[in-house]
Protein backbone atom coordinates (compact mmCIF):
# COMPACT_ATOMS: atom_id res chain seq x y z
CA MET A 1 0.01 0.22 -0.19
CA ASN A 2 1.41 3.24 -0.85
CA ASP A 3 0.92 5.31 2.36
CA GLN A 4 2.21 8.77 0.80
CA ASN A 5 -1.22 9.05 -1.41
CA LEU A 6 -3.43 8.78 2.23
CA ARG A 7 -4.01 11.61 3.98
CA THR A 8 -6.44 12.62 6.96
CA PRO A 9 -8.88 15.51 5.85
CA THR A 10 -9.00 18.51 7.99
CA ALA A 11 -11.91 18.92 10.57
CA SER A 12 -13.85 21.33 7.86
CA GLU A 13 -13.12 19.22 4.64
CA ALA A 14 -14.20 16.13 6.80
CA ARG A 15 -17.39 18.43 7.61
CA GLU A 16 -18.13 19.22 4.12
CA LEU A 17 -17.79 15.58 2.83
CA GLY A 18 -20.37 14.36 5.67
CA ARG A 19 -22.64 17.55 4.82
CA ARG A 20 -22.47 16.24 0.81
CA GLY A 21 -22.92 12.64 2.09
CA GLY A 22 -26.12 13.59 4.25
CA LEU A 23 -27.72 16.03 1.08
CA ALA A 24 -27.02 12.87 -1.23
CA SER A 25 -28.49 10.17 1.06
CA GLY A 26 -31.44 12.62 1.68
CA ARG A 27 -31.87 12.79 -2.00
CA SER A 28 -31.83 9.02 -2.77
CA ARG A 29 -34.15 8.38 0.01
CA LEU A 30 -36.67 10.69 -1.38
CA ALA A 31 -36.32 9.19 -4.96
CA LYS A 32 -37.00 5.63 -3.20
CA LYS A 33 -40.13 7.20 -1.25
CA HIS A 34 -41.43 8.55 -4.46
CA GLY A 35 -41.03 5.39 -6.59
CA ARG A 36 -42.76 3.60 -3.76
CA GLU A 37 -45.38 5.70 -3.51
CA LEU A 38 -46.01 5.73 -7.51
CA VAL A 39 -46.12 1.96 -7.33
CA ARG A 40 -48.63 1.84 -4.61
CA ALA A 41 -50.84 4.02 -6.73
CA LEU A 42 -50.64 2.06 -9.41
CA LEU A 43 -51.50 -1.08 -7.74
CA ALA A 44 -54.47 0.71 -6.31
CA GLN A 45 -55.96 1.42 -9.84
CA ARG A 46 -59.03 -0.56 -11.21
CA GLU A 47 -58.19 -0.16 -14.89
CA LEU A 48 -57.79 -3.67 -15.95
CA ASP A 49 -59.17 -6.11 -18.58
CA PRO A 50 -62.88 -6.86 -17.94
CA GLN A 51 -62.29 -10.53 -18.49
CA ILE A 52 -59.57 -10.69 -15.92
CA VAL A 53 -61.92 -8.83 -13.41
CA LYS A 54 -64.82 -11.67 -14.28
CA ASP A 55 -62.77 -14.19 -13.59
CA LEU A 56 -61.19 -13.04 -10.37
CA ALA A 57 -64.16 -11.92 -8.70
CA THR A 58 -65.66 -15.36 -9.74
CA ALA A 59 -62.75 -17.56 -8.69
CA TYR A 60 -62.02 -15.76 -5.25
CA GLY A 61 -65.76 -14.88 -4.54
CA LEU A 62 -64.99 -11.01 -4.61
CA PRO A 63 -67.00 -8.43 -5.83
CA GLU A 64 -65.65 -6.88 -9.11
CA LYS A 65 -65.52 -3.46 -7.94
CA ASP A 66 -62.86 -4.66 -5.11
CA ILE A 67 -60.51 -6.41 -8.05
CA THR A 68 -57.33 -3.98 -8.39
CA LYS A 69 -54.05 -4.47 -10.09
CA GLU A 70 -52.69 -5.45 -6.63
CA VAL A 71 -55.24 -8.39 -6.18
CA ALA A 72 -54.85 -9.51 -9.74
CA MET A 73 -51.14 -9.74 -9.28
CA HIS A 74 -51.46 -11.39 -5.95
CA GLY A 75 -54.24 -14.10 -7.11
CA ARG A 76 -52.17 -14.86 -10.37
CA GLN A 77 -49.10 -15.53 -7.95
CA MET A 78 -51.26 -17.80 -5.56
CA GLU A 79 -52.31 -19.63 -8.76
CA LYS A 80 -48.81 -20.02 -9.90
CA ALA A 81 -47.81 -21.16 -6.27
CA ILE A 82 -50.61 -24.00 -6.15
CA ARG A 83 -50.96 -25.06 -9.61
CA LYS A 84 -47.22 -25.02 -10.56
CA ALA A 85 -45.55 -25.41 -7.02
CA ASP A 86 -43.77 -22.63 -7.49
CA THR A 87 -41.72 -21.74 -4.65
CA ASN A 88 -40.97 -18.38 -5.66
CA ALA A 89 -44.36 -17.46 -6.12
CA TYR A 90 -45.19 -18.90 -2.84
CA LYS A 91 -42.72 -16.70 -1.13
CA ALA A 92 -43.82 -13.57 -2.76
CA VAL A 93 -47.60 -14.66 -1.76
CA GLN A 94 -46.07 -15.10 1.94
CA ALA A 95 -44.15 -11.99 2.07
CA ALA A 96 -47.30 -10.26 0.64
CA ALA A 97 -49.18 -11.85 3.80
CA GLY A 98 -46.86 -10.27 6.03
CA TYR A 99 -45.33 -13.81 6.66
CA GLN A 100 -41.54 -14.19 7.08
CA ASP A 101 -39.54 -15.79 4.83
CA PRO A 102 -38.88 -19.58 5.55
CA ASP A 103 -35.44 -19.10 4.77
CA GLU A 104 -35.04 -16.55 7.31
CA ALA A 105 -37.32 -17.56 9.96
CA ASN A 106 -34.85 -19.40 11.91
CA GLY A 107 -37.06 -22.23 12.63
CA ALA A 108 -40.28 -20.23 13.21
CA THR A 109 -43.54 -21.55 11.89
CA PHE A 110 -47.00 -20.23 11.04
CA VAL A 111 -50.38 -21.61 11.01
CA VAL A 112 -52.54 -20.89 8.26
CA HIS A 113 -56.35 -21.80 9.02
CA ILE A 114 -58.72 -23.19 5.94
CA ASP A 115 -61.96 -25.01 5.68
CA LYS A 116 -62.02 -28.70 5.66
CA ALA A 117 -62.94 -29.11 1.94
CA THR A 118 -59.85 -26.76 1.19
CA ALA A 119 -58.08 -29.25 2.97
CA GLU A 120 -59.03 -32.16 1.69
CA ALA A 121 -58.81 -31.23 -1.63
CA VAL A 122 -55.03 -29.98 -0.88
CA ASP A 123 -54.35 -33.52 0.47
CA LYS A 124 -55.71 -35.04 -2.37
CA TRP A 125 -53.93 -33.02 -4.85
CA THR A 126 -50.32 -33.91 -2.94
CA LYS A 127 -50.71 -37.53 -2.59
């Protein structure tokens, strides 16, 4: 290592560098916040293909007026997790529901309550 190229900043230089870093950090956090707000606004929109709305409302027993882009996306993820046994889709659904990622759970478990008919259908499907 070439110690001749290293130097310690003066107090005023360190203060200025810290100020610049803080301002850049603030701009970055604000940009991320605006991005999250935009995505949330887009997910809340109800402009979807009418056939998708009708299919989801029928499949999940929801009123058509409650079907948003977010509901549609989560519904499709659940279908993918169930029909194709897609682990990534399963993890996405669990994360959206607020459950801890099983890879990071450190032995923690969670309980899902389902009706008897669904439990029997799952048992039949997994055998």
